[in-house]
Amino acid sequence: MASLDSKIAYCRFLNWVIGEFDLFLKNEESEALKVFFPNGWFSISCFQNTENKINVTLEVEGKSEATCQNMMKHLMRIHKHVCEFHENQA
């Protein structure tokens, strides 16, 4: 689980992931994102905790543990980049 300061930062994170994976369709009614890749998928969702921070849930499933770990590392690098960008905008 990761955290973000605001809903704006979460939306930036989703947009960055969508751009990174060349996704053009997203269910606009849902704040969650599910992406399928060869032999697996990942999902990103969020909820607000008691301290008014946004907690982001990243879930990666696949046939290969190495592939899942690489995908999680990739998503965490994007998350870190968005957090740094968001901090610089504040």
Protein backbone atom coordinates (compact mmCIF):
# COMPACT_ATOMS: atom_id res chain seq x y z
CA MET A 1 0.00 0.00 0.00
CA ALA A 2 1.16 3.50 -0.77
CA SER A 3 -0.21 6.89 0.22
CA LEU A 4 -0.74 10.23 -1.46
CA ASP A 5 -1.60 13.66 -0.08
CA SER A 6 -4.71 14.30 -2.11
CA LYS A 7 -7.19 13.08 -4.69
CA ILE A 8 -5.44 15.30 -7.24
CA ALA A 9 -2.19 13.38 -6.70
CA TYR A 10 -4.07 10.09 -7.07
CA CYS A 11 -5.60 11.25 -10.36
CA ARG A 12 -2.14 12.27 -11.57
CA PHE A 13 -0.85 8.83 -10.63
CA LEU A 14 -3.64 7.11 -12.59
CA ASN A 15 -3.11 9.39 -15.59
CA TRP A 16 0.63 8.70 -15.55
CA VAL A 17 0.03 4.93 -15.46
CA ILE A 18 -2.52 5.21 -18.28
CA GLY A 19 0.05 7.13 -20.35
CA GLU A 20 2.84 4.72 -19.48
CA PHE A 21 0.86 1.72 -20.68
CA ASP A 22 -0.76 3.44 -23.68
CA LEU A 23 -4.25 3.00 -22.27
CA PHE A 24 -6.87 5.13 -23.88
CA LEU A 25 -10.06 3.69 -22.38
CA LYS A 26 -10.93 4.00 -18.72
CA ASN A 27 -14.23 3.56 -16.97
CA GLU A 28 -14.93 7.16 -15.99
CA GLU A 29 -17.47 6.04 -13.36
CA SER A 30 -14.82 4.21 -11.38
CA GLU A 31 -11.79 5.60 -9.60
CA ALA A 32 -10.08 2.22 -9.86
CA LEU A 33 -7.97 1.07 -12.78
CA LYS A 34 -7.38 -2.53 -13.89
CA VAL A 35 -4.82 -3.27 -16.58
CA PHE A 36 -4.26 -6.63 -18.23
CA PHE A 37 -0.84 -7.55 -19.56
CA PRO A 38 0.44 -10.85 -21.00
CA ASN A 39 -0.09 -13.56 -18.37
CA GLY A 40 -1.35 -11.18 -15.68
CA TRP A 41 -2.98 -7.97 -14.54
CA PHE A 42 -2.63 -5.15 -12.03
CA SER A 43 -5.17 -2.92 -10.35
CA ILE A 44 -4.94 0.45 -8.64
CA SER A 45 -7.61 1.73 -6.26
CA CYS A 46 -7.79 4.22 -3.43
CA PHE A 47 -9.56 5.08 -0.21
CA GLN A 48 -9.26 7.96 2.25
CA ASN A 49 -7.90 7.11 5.69
CA THR A 50 -8.74 8.72 9.02
CA GLU A 51 -5.92 11.27 8.61
CA ASN A 52 -7.44 12.47 5.30
CA LYS A 53 -4.62 10.96 3.29
CA ILE A 54 -5.32 8.92 0.20
CA ASN A 55 -4.19 5.31 0.53
CA VAL A 56 -3.48 3.64 -2.79
CA THR A 57 -3.82 -0.11 -3.15
CA LEU A 58 -1.65 -1.69 -5.84
CA GLU A 59 -2.35 -5.31 -6.66
CA VAL A 60 -0.38 -7.32 -9.22
CA GLU A 61 -1.29 -10.86 -10.24
CA GLY A 62 0.38 -13.05 -12.81
CA LYS A 63 1.82 -16.43 -13.68
CA SER A 64 5.43 -15.41 -12.99
CA GLU A 65 6.55 -14.01 -9.64
CA ALA A 66 9.46 -12.22 -11.33
CA THR A 67 7.09 -10.50 -13.77
CA CYS A 68 4.81 -9.44 -10.92
CA GLN A 69 7.74 -8.05 -8.92
CA ASN A 70 9.03 -6.12 -11.95
CA MET A 71 5.58 -4.67 -12.60
CA MET A 72 5.21 -3.63 -8.94
CA LYS A 73 8.64 -1.96 -9.04
CA HIS A 74 7.62 -0.14 -12.23
CA LEU A 75 4.36 1.08 -10.63
CA MET A 76 6.19 2.17 -7.48
CA ARG A 77 8.68 4.20 -9.59
CA ILE A 78 5.74 5.97 -11.23
CA HIS A 79 4.17 6.54 -7.79
CA LYS A 80 7.43 8.02 -6.47
CA HIS A 81 7.73 10.30 -9.48
CA VAL A 82 4.16 11.56 -9.10
CA CYS A 83 4.69 12.18 -5.36
CA GLU A 84 7.84 14.20 -6.08
CA PHE A 85 6.07 16.15 -8.82
CA HIS A 86 3.09 16.84 -6.56
CA GLU A 87 5.38 18.02 -3.72
CA ASN A 88 7.15 20.42 -6.10
CA GLN A 89 3.80 21.86 -7.23
CA ALA A 90 2.77 22.65 -3.64
